[in-house]
Structure formats: C-alpha cells, structure tokens
Amino acid sequence: MIESTLEIPVASALNAAALPLTRELLGKMNAYWRAANYLSVGQIYLYDNPLLKEPLKLSHVKPLVVGHWAPLPARTSSTCI
C-alpha cells in the first residue's frame, strides 16, 4: 500500500490532481523548480558563496567539473511531480 505524506488521503489527492492548477500553486511550483535547479548548479560548479552574498568571483567557481551528476536531474524533475 502506498502511504501518503500529504494531509489528505491518496485517493483524494488523485482526484484533486484532475482539477486545474491555481495561479498560486503554479507560482509555488515554479519557485520550487527554480530553487532546485539553482541548488543543483551550485553543487556542480561552485566552491563557495552559493547564496551570492558577495559578488561572484572566479575563486568561487570550480576550475574543472568532474564526477557524476546522476542524482541532479532526478532531484530537479521528479520532485515537482
């Protein structure tokens, strides 16, 4: 059985998914999507200053990006579904 982490039962959530999305919900989803992508890019390319509290400098950026990025596309795409 699939357990829901939402406050409403799974069956109600599935019925609600058929309704049109409100502008407020779309705005929140868009903000979440942008934040998730920003964090992913920051993890890949930045050494320091991820919140850009100071102007971005070359010393903040990794000179060579290596490693595997397997979890990043899943983190930014599947979490919004």
PDB file of N, CA and C in Angstrom:
ATOM      1  N   MET A   1       0.839  -1.183   0.000  1.00  0.00           N
ATOM      2  CA  MET A   1       0.000   0.000   0.000  1.00  0.00           C
ATOM      3  C   MET A   1       0.885   1.249   0.000  1.00  0.00           C
ATOM      4  N   ILE A   2       0.510   2.215  -0.796  1.00  0.00           N
ATOM      5  CA  ILE A   2       1.252   3.469  -0.879  1.00  0.00           C
ATOM      6  C   ILE A   2       0.775   4.388   0.233  1.00  0.00           C
ATOM      7  N   GLU A   3       1.717   4.877   1.018  1.00  0.00           N
ATOM      8  CA  GLU A   3       1.377   5.801   2.089  1.00  0.00           C
ATOM      9  C   GLU A   3       1.554   7.227   1.597  1.00  0.00           C
ATOM     10  N   SER A   4       0.646   8.063   1.971  1.00  0.00           N
ATOM     11  CA  SER A   4       0.702   9.461   1.573  1.00  0.00           C
ATOM     12  C   SER A   4       1.375  10.288   2.659  1.00  0.00           C
ATOM     13  N   THR A   5       2.264  11.195   2.239  1.00  0.00           N
ATOM     14  CA  THR A   5       2.870  12.115   3.196  1.00  0.00           C
ATOM     15  C   THR A   5       2.063  13.402   3.290  1.00  0.00           C
ATOM     16  N   LEU A   6       1.017  13.493   2.470  1.00  0.00           N
ATOM     17  CA  LEU A   6       0.157  14.666   2.499  1.00  0.00           C
ATOM     18  C   LEU A   6      -0.859  14.529   3.621  1.00  0.00           C
ATOM     19  N   GLU A   7      -1.515  15.618   3.956  1.00  0.00           N
ATOM     20  CA  GLU A   7      -2.533  15.593   4.998  1.00  0.00           C
ATOM     21  C   GLU A   7      -3.842  14.996   4.509  1.00  0.00           C
ATOM     22  N   ILE A   8      -3.989  14.850   3.181  1.00  0.00           N
ATOM     23  CA  ILE A   8      -5.220  14.282   2.642  1.00  0.00           C
ATOM     24  C   ILE A   8      -4.942  12.867   2.161  1.00  0.00           C
ATOM     25  N   PRO A   9      -5.931  11.991   2.144  1.00  0.00           N
ATOM     26  CA  PRO A   9      -5.722  10.617   1.691  1.00  0.00           C
ATOM     27  C   PRO A   9      -5.281  10.575   0.235  1.00  0.00           C
ATOM     28  N   VAL A  10      -4.626   9.478  -0.152  1.00  0.00           N
ATOM     29  CA  VAL A  10      -4.115   9.334  -1.515  1.00  0.00           C
ATOM     30  C   VAL A  10      -5.241   9.427  -2.531  1.00  0.00           C
ATOM     31  N   ALA A  11      -6.371   8.784  -2.261  1.00  0.00           N
ATOM     32  CA  ALA A  11      -7.493   8.812  -3.211  1.00  0.00           C
ATOM     33  C   ALA A  11      -7.952  10.239  -3.468  1.00  0.00           C
ATOM     34  N   SER A  12      -8.037  11.061  -2.430  1.00  0.00           N
ATOM     35  CA  SER A  12      -8.448  12.457  -2.598  1.00  0.00           C
ATOM     36  C   SER A  12      -7.396  13.236  -3.365  1.00  0.00           C
ATOM     37  N   ALA A  13      -6.127  12.930  -3.127  1.00  0.00           N
ATOM     38  CA  ALA A  13      -5.048  13.607  -3.847  1.00  0.00           C
ATOM     39  C   ALA A  13      -5.118  13.279  -5.329  1.00  0.00           C
ATOM     40  N   LEU A  14      -5.430  12.036  -5.667  1.00  0.00           N
ATOM     41  CA  LEU A  14      -5.530  11.651  -7.070  1.00  0.00           C
ATOM     42  C   LEU A  14      -6.713  12.350  -7.733  1.00  0.00           C
ATOM     43  N   ASN A  15      -7.837  12.476  -7.028  1.00  0.00           N
ATOM     44  CA  ASN A  15      -8.987  13.183  -7.583  1.00  0.00           C
ATOM     45  C   ASN A  15      -8.672  14.667  -7.746  1.00  0.00           C
ATOM     46  N   ALA A  16      -7.960  15.236  -6.802  1.00  0.00           N
ATOM     47  CA  ALA A  16      -7.607  16.651  -6.873  1.00  0.00           C
ATOM     48  C   ALA A  16      -6.646  16.927  -8.022  1.00  0.00           C
ATOM     49  N   ALA A  17      -5.847  15.926  -8.403  1.00  0.00           N
ATOM     50  CA  ALA A  17      -4.879  16.119  -9.483  1.00  0.00           C
ATOM     51  C   ALA A  17      -5.575  16.368 -10.815  1.00  0.00           C
ATOM     52  N   ALA A  18      -6.831  15.963 -10.944  1.00  0.00           N
ATOM     53  CA  ALA A  18      -7.561  16.160 -12.187  1.00  0.00           C
ATOM     54  C   ALA A  18      -8.064  17.602 -12.322  1.00  0.00           C
ATOM     55  N   LEU A  19      -8.070  18.356 -11.218  1.00  0.00           N
ATOM     56  CA  LEU A  19      -8.546  19.738 -11.253  1.00  0.00           C
ATOM     57  C   LEU A  19      -7.472  20.654 -11.831  1.00  0.00           C
ATOM     58  N   PRO A  20      -7.880  21.772 -12.423  1.00  0.00           N
ATOM     59  CA  PRO A  20      -6.889  22.735 -12.933  1.00  0.00           C
ATOM     60  C   PRO A  20      -6.052  23.304 -11.774  1.00  0.00           C
ATOM     61  N   LEU A  21      -4.822  23.627 -12.070  1.00  0.00           N
ATOM     62  CA  LEU A  21      -3.937  24.205 -11.062  1.00  0.00           C
ATOM     63  C   LEU A  21      -4.214  25.700 -10.930  1.00  0.00           C
ATOM     64  N   THR A  22      -4.143  26.192  -9.714  1.00  0.00           N
ATOM     65  CA  THR A  22      -4.347  27.622  -9.486  1.00  0.00           C
ATOM     66  C   THR A  22      -3.070  28.389  -9.832  1.00  0.00           C
ATOM     67  N   ARG A  23      -3.199  29.664 -10.050  1.00  0.00           N
ATOM     68  CA  ARG A  23      -2.019  30.502 -10.321  1.00  0.00           C
ATOM     69  C   ARG A  23      -1.063  30.477  -9.137  1.00  0.00           C
ATOM     70  N   GLU A  24      -1.623  30.467  -7.932  1.00  0.00           N
ATOM     71  CA  GLU A  24      -0.790  30.432  -6.730  1.00  0.00           C
ATOM     72  C   GLU A  24       0.037  29.147  -6.672  1.00  0.00           C
ATOM     73  N   LEU A  25      -0.595  28.005  -6.947  1.00  0.00           N
ATOM     74  CA  LEU A  25       0.127  26.740  -6.921  1.00  0.00           C
ATOM     75  C   LEU A  25       1.168  26.681  -8.034  1.00  0.00           C
ATOM     76  N   LEU A  26       0.821  27.148  -9.216  1.00  0.00           N
ATOM     77  CA  LEU A  26       1.794  27.180 -10.314  1.00  0.00           C
ATOM     78  C   LEU A  26       2.982  28.067  -9.968  1.00  0.00           C
ATOM     79  N   GLY A  27       2.729  29.185  -9.320  1.00  0.00           N
ATOM     80  CA  GLY A  27       3.813  30.074  -8.899  1.00  0.00           C
ATOM     81  C   GLY A  27       4.731  29.407  -7.893  1.00  0.00           C
ATOM     82  N   LYS A  28       4.128  28.679  -6.939  1.00  0.00           N
ATOM     83  CA  LYS A  28       4.934  27.966  -5.947  1.00  0.00           C
ATOM     84  C   LYS A  28       5.741  26.844  -6.593  1.00  0.00           C
ATOM     85  N   MET A  29       5.132  26.128  -7.537  1.00  0.00           N
ATOM     86  CA  MET A  29       5.850  25.053  -8.232  1.00  0.00           C
ATOM     87  C   MET A  29       7.017  25.619  -9.038  1.00  0.00           C
ATOM     88  N   ASN A  30       6.776  26.763  -9.686  1.00  0.00           N
ATOM     89  CA  ASN A  30       7.829  27.399 -10.472  1.00  0.00           C
ATOM     90  C   ASN A  30       8.972  27.847  -9.578  1.00  0.00           C
ATOM     91  N   ALA A  31       8.654  28.441  -8.426  1.00  0.00           N
ATOM     92  CA  ALA A  31       9.698  28.883  -7.499  1.00  0.00           C
ATOM     93  C   ALA A  31      10.497  27.696  -6.972  1.00  0.00           C
ATOM     94  N   TYR A  32       9.811  26.603  -6.662  1.00  0.00           N
ATOM     95  CA  TYR A  32      10.495  25.401  -6.187  1.00  0.00           C
ATOM     96  C   TYR A  32      11.419  24.852  -7.276  1.00  0.00           C
ATOM     97  N   TRP A  33      10.919  24.798  -8.505  1.00  0.00           N
ATOM     98  CA  TRP A  33      11.704  24.299  -9.640  1.00  0.00           C
ATOM     99  C   TRP A  33      12.972  25.127  -9.826  1.00  0.00           C
ATOM    100  N   ARG A  34      12.825  26.458  -9.786  1.00  0.00           N
ATOM    101  CA  ARG A  34      13.990  27.329  -9.955  1.00  0.00           C
ATOM    102  C   ARG A  34      14.985  27.164  -8.816  1.00  0.00           C
ATOM    103  N   ALA A  35      14.498  27.051  -7.592  1.00  0.00           N
ATOM    104  CA  ALA A  35      15.391  26.872  -6.444  1.00  0.00           C
ATOM    105  C   ALA A  35      16.125  25.538  -6.527  1.00  0.00           C
ATOM    106  N   ALA A  36      15.427  24.483  -6.909  1.00  0.00           N
ATOM    107  CA  ALA A  36      16.061  23.160  -7.028  1.00  0.00           C
ATOM    108  C   ALA A  36      17.137  23.175  -8.111  1.00  0.00           C
ATOM    109  N   ASN A  37      16.849  23.809  -9.236  1.00  0.00           N
ATOM    110  CA  ASN A  37      17.847  23.899 -10.306  1.00  0.00           C
ATOM    111  C   ASN A  37      19.043  24.732  -9.872  1.00  0.00           C
ATOM    112  N   TYR A  38      18.795  25.836  -9.158  1.00  0.00           N
ATOM    113  CA  TYR A  38      19.887  26.682  -8.685  1.00  0.00           C
ATOM    114  C   TYR A  38      20.791  25.899  -7.735  1.00  0.00           C
ATOM    115  N   LEU A  39      20.195  25.152  -6.817  1.00  0.00           N
ATOM    116  CA  LEU A  39      20.995  24.354  -5.881  1.00  0.00           C
ATOM    117  C   LEU A  39      21.808  23.295  -6.616  1.00  0.00           C
ATOM    118  N   SER A  40      21.216  22.679  -7.622  1.00  0.00           N
ATOM    119  CA  SER A  40      21.929  21.664  -8.394  1.00  0.00           C
ATOM    120  C   SER A  40      23.129  22.264  -9.121  1.00  0.00           C
ATOM    121  N   VAL A  41      22.925  23.404  -9.749  1.00  0.00           N
ATOM    122  CA  VAL A  41      24.019  24.075 -10.462  1.00  0.00           C
ATOM    123  C   VAL A  41      25.097  24.503  -9.472  1.00  0.00           C
ATOM    124  N   GLY A  42      24.672  25.001  -8.314  1.00  0.00           N
ATOM    125  CA  GLY A  42      25.632  25.407  -7.291  1.00  0.00           C
ATOM    126  C   GLY A  42      26.483  24.249  -6.813  1.00  0.00           C
ATOM    127  N   GLN A  43      25.869  23.071  -6.653  1.00  0.00           N
ATOM    128  CA  GLN A  43      26.617  21.901  -6.216  1.00  0.00           C
ATOM    129  C   GLN A  43      27.634  21.466  -7.270  1.00  0.00           C
ATOM    130  N   ILE A  44      27.284  21.646  -8.519  1.00  0.00           N
ATOM    131  CA  ILE A  44      28.178  21.215  -9.596  1.00  0.00           C
ATOM    132  C   ILE A  44      29.331  22.198  -9.791  1.00  0.00           C
ATOM    133  N   TYR A  45      29.043  23.484  -9.822  1.00  0.00           N
ATOM    134  CA  TYR A  45      30.018  24.467 -10.284  1.00  0.00           C
ATOM    135  C   TYR A  45      30.678  25.341  -9.218  1.00  0.00           C
ATOM    136  N   LEU A  46      30.107  25.446  -8.020  1.00  0.00           N
ATOM    137  CA  LEU A  46      30.635  26.403  -7.056  1.00  0.00           C
ATOM    138  C   LEU A  46      31.381  25.759  -5.895  1.00  0.00           C
ATOM    139  N   TYR A  47      32.484  26.398  -5.493  1.00  0.00           N
ATOM    140  CA  TYR A  47      33.203  26.032  -4.274  1.00  0.00           C
ATOM    141  C   TYR A  47      32.600  26.738  -3.070  1.00  0.00           C
ATOM    142  N   ASP A  48      32.256  28.011  -3.275  1.00  0.00           N
ATOM    143  CA  ASP A  48      31.873  28.879  -2.165  1.00  0.00           C
ATOM    144  C   ASP A  48      30.867  29.914  -2.649  1.00  0.00           C
ATOM    145  N   ASN A  49      30.246  30.606  -1.696  1.00  0.00           N
ATOM    146  CA  ASN A  49      29.335  31.706  -1.967  1.00  0.00           C
ATOM    147  C   ASN A  49      28.078  31.261  -2.726  1.00  0.00           C
ATOM    148  N   PRO A  50      27.409  30.173  -2.299  1.00  0.00           N
ATOM    149  CA  PRO A  50      26.243  29.697  -3.046  1.00  0.00           C
ATOM    150  C   PRO A  50      25.036  30.638  -2.980  1.00  0.00           C
ATOM    151  N   LEU A  51      24.946  31.450  -1.941  1.00  0.00           N
ATOM    152  CA  LEU A  51      23.816  32.382  -1.820  1.00  0.00           C
ATOM    153  C   LEU A  51      24.129  33.746  -2.414  1.00  0.00           C
ATOM    154  N   LEU A  52      25.293  33.872  -3.030  1.00  0.00           N
ATOM    155  CA  LEU A  52      25.737  35.114  -3.681  1.00  0.00           C
ATOM    156  C   LEU A  52      25.617  36.312  -2.742  1.00  0.00           C
ATOM    157  N   LYS A  53      26.101  36.128  -1.514  1.00  0.00           N
ATOM    158  CA  LYS A  53      26.112  37.223  -0.544  1.00  0.00           C
ATOM    159  C   LYS A  53      27.151  38.277  -0.899  1.00  0.00           C
ATOM    160  N   GLU A  54      28.071  37.925  -1.748  1.00  0.00           N
ATOM    161  CA  GLU A  54      29.057  38.868  -2.285  1.00  0.00           C
ATOM    162  C   GLU A  54      29.126  38.625  -3.784  1.00  0.00           C
ATOM    163  N   PRO A  55      29.622  39.576  -4.547  1.00  0.00           N
ATOM    164  CA  PRO A  55      29.714  39.369  -5.996  1.00  0.00           C
ATOM    165  C   PRO A  55      30.511  38.103  -6.326  1.00  0.00           C
ATOM    166  N   LEU A  56      30.040  37.388  -7.302  1.00  0.00           N
ATOM    167  CA  LEU A  56      30.684  36.138  -7.698  1.00  0.00           C
ATOM    168  C   LEU A  56      32.083  36.401  -8.238  1.00  0.00           C
ATOM    169  N   LYS A  57      33.047  35.628  -7.746  1.00  0.00           N
ATOM    170  CA  LYS A  57      34.438  35.756  -8.177  1.00  0.00           C
ATOM    171  C   LYS A  57      34.870  34.446  -8.824  1.00  0.00           C
ATOM    172  N   LEU A  58      35.931  34.535  -9.593  1.00  0.00           N
ATOM    173  CA  LEU A  58      36.457  33.339 -10.233  1.00  0.00           C
ATOM    174  C   LEU A  58      36.895  32.306  -9.199  1.00  0.00           C
ATOM    175  N   SER A  59      37.320  32.750  -8.029  1.00  0.00           N
ATOM    176  CA  SER A  59      37.756  31.823  -6.980  1.00  0.00           C
ATOM    177  C   SER A  59      36.593  31.009  -6.401  1.00  0.00           C
ATOM    178  N   HIS A  60      35.357  31.439  -6.613  1.00  0.00           N
ATOM    179  CA  HIS A  60      34.185  30.701  -6.145  1.00  0.00           C
ATOM    180  C   HIS A  60      33.829  29.540  -7.065  1.00  0.00           C
ATOM    181  N   VAL A  61      34.291  29.603  -8.306  1.00  0.00           N
ATOM    182  CA  VAL A  61      33.906  28.629  -9.325  1.00  0.00           C
ATOM    183  C   VAL A  61      34.958  27.536  -9.442  1.00  0.00           C
ATOM    184  N   LYS A  62      34.494  26.293  -9.541  1.00  0.00           N
ATOM    185  CA  LYS A  62      35.422  25.165  -9.706  1.00  0.00           C
ATOM    186  C   LYS A  62      36.081  25.258 -11.075  1.00  0.00           C
ATOM    187  N   PRO A  63      37.395  25.063 -11.143  1.00  0.00           N
ATOM    188  CA  PRO A  63      38.077  25.187 -12.432  1.00  0.00           C
ATOM    189  C   PRO A  63      37.780  24.026 -13.384  1.00  0.00           C
ATOM    190  N   LEU A  64      37.539  22.847 -12.839  1.00  0.00           N
ATOM    191  CA  LEU A  64      37.273  21.673 -13.672  1.00  0.00           C
ATOM    192  C   LEU A  64      36.161  20.879 -13.007  1.00  0.00           C
ATOM    193  N   VAL A  65      35.077  20.709 -13.725  1.00  0.00           N
ATOM    194  CA  VAL A  65      33.939  19.986 -13.170  1.00  0.00           C
ATOM    195  C   VAL A  65      34.087  18.518 -13.527  1.00  0.00           C
ATOM    196  N   VAL A  66      34.245  17.693 -12.502  1.00  0.00           N
ATOM    197  CA  VAL A  66      34.373  16.252 -12.709  1.00  0.00           C
ATOM    198  C   VAL A  66      33.420  15.517 -11.766  1.00  0.00           C
ATOM    199  N   GLY A  67      33.218  14.265 -12.030  1.00  0.00           N
ATOM    200  CA  GLY A  67      32.328  13.470 -11.194  1.00  0.00           C
ATOM    201  C   GLY A  67      31.071  13.112 -11.952  1.00  0.00           C
ATOM    202  N   HIS A  68      30.186  12.406 -11.281  1.00  0.00           N
ATOM    203  CA  HIS A  68      28.945  12.072 -11.964  1.00  0.00           C
ATOM    204  C   HIS A  68      27.809  12.877 -11.362  1.00  0.00           C
ATOM    205  N   TRP A  69      26.864  13.266 -12.203  1.00  0.00           N
ATOM    206  CA  TRP A  69      25.766  14.132 -11.796  1.00  0.00           C
ATOM    207  C   TRP A  69      24.451  13.369 -11.789  1.00  0.00           C
ATOM    208  N   ALA A  70      24.502  12.078 -11.649  1.00  0.00           N
ATOM    209  CA  ALA A  70      23.307  11.243 -11.775  1.00  0.00           C
ATOM    210  C   ALA A  70      22.135  11.709 -10.919  1.00  0.00           C
ATOM    211  N   PRO A  71      22.330  12.080  -9.661  1.00  0.00           N
ATOM    212  CA  PRO A  71      21.149  12.436  -8.866  1.00  0.00           C
ATOM    213  C   PRO A  71      20.551  13.797  -9.193  1.00  0.00           C
ATOM    214  N   LEU A  72      21.277  14.662  -9.868  1.00  0.00           N
ATOM    215  CA  LEU A  72      20.785  16.024 -10.061  1.00  0.00           C
ATOM    216  C   LEU A  72      19.568  16.129 -10.971  1.00  0.00           C
ATOM    217  N   PRO A  73      19.530  15.475 -12.141  1.00  0.00           N
ATOM    218  CA  PRO A  73      18.309  15.578 -12.948  1.00  0.00           C
ATOM    219  C   PRO A  73      17.093  15.011 -12.228  1.00  0.00           C
ATOM    220  N   ALA A  74      17.278  13.924 -11.499  1.00  0.00           N
ATOM    221  CA  ALA A  74      16.155  13.337 -10.771  1.00  0.00           C
ATOM    222  C   ALA A  74      15.689  14.262  -9.663  1.00  0.00           C
ATOM    223  N   ARG A  75      16.597  14.931  -9.025  1.00  0.00           N
ATOM    224  CA  ARG A  75      16.240  15.823  -7.929  1.00  0.00           C
ATOM    225  C   ARG A  75      15.399  16.984  -8.431  1.00  0.00           C
ATOM    226  N   THR A  76      15.732  17.520  -9.581  1.00  0.00           N
ATOM    227  CA  THR A  76      15.005  18.697 -10.054  1.00  0.00           C
ATOM    228  C   THR A  76      13.771  18.360 -10.867  1.00  0.00           C
ATOM    229  N   SER A  77      13.663  17.165 -11.420  1.00  0.00           N
ATOM    230  CA  SER A  77      12.497  16.856 -12.245  1.00  0.00           C
ATOM    231  C   SER A  77      11.448  16.046 -11.496  1.00  0.00           C
ATOM    232  N   SER A  78      11.842  15.028 -10.773  1.00  0.00           N
ATOM    233  CA  SER A  78      10.841  14.155 -10.149  1.00  0.00           C
ATOM    234  C   SER A  78      10.240  14.749  -8.891  1.00  0.00           C
ATOM    235  N   THR A  79      10.891  15.716  -8.285  1.00  0.00           N
ATOM    236  CA  THR A  79      10.372  16.273  -7.039  1.00  0.00           C
ATOM    237  C   THR A  79       9.192  17.213  -7.288  1.00  0.00           C
ATOM    238  N   CYS A  80       9.019  17.655  -8.505  1.00  0.00           N
ATOM    239  CA  CYS A  80       7.919  18.575  -8.798  1.00  0.00           C
ATOM    240  C   CYS A  80       6.667  17.844  -9.271  1.00  0.00           C
ATOM    241  N   ILE A  81       6.757  16.577  -9.444  1.00  0.00           N
ATOM    242  CA  ILE A  81       5.613  15.812  -9.950  1.00  0.00           C
ATOM    243  C   ILE A  81       4.641  15.531  -8.835  1.00  0.00           C
TER     244      ILE A  81
END
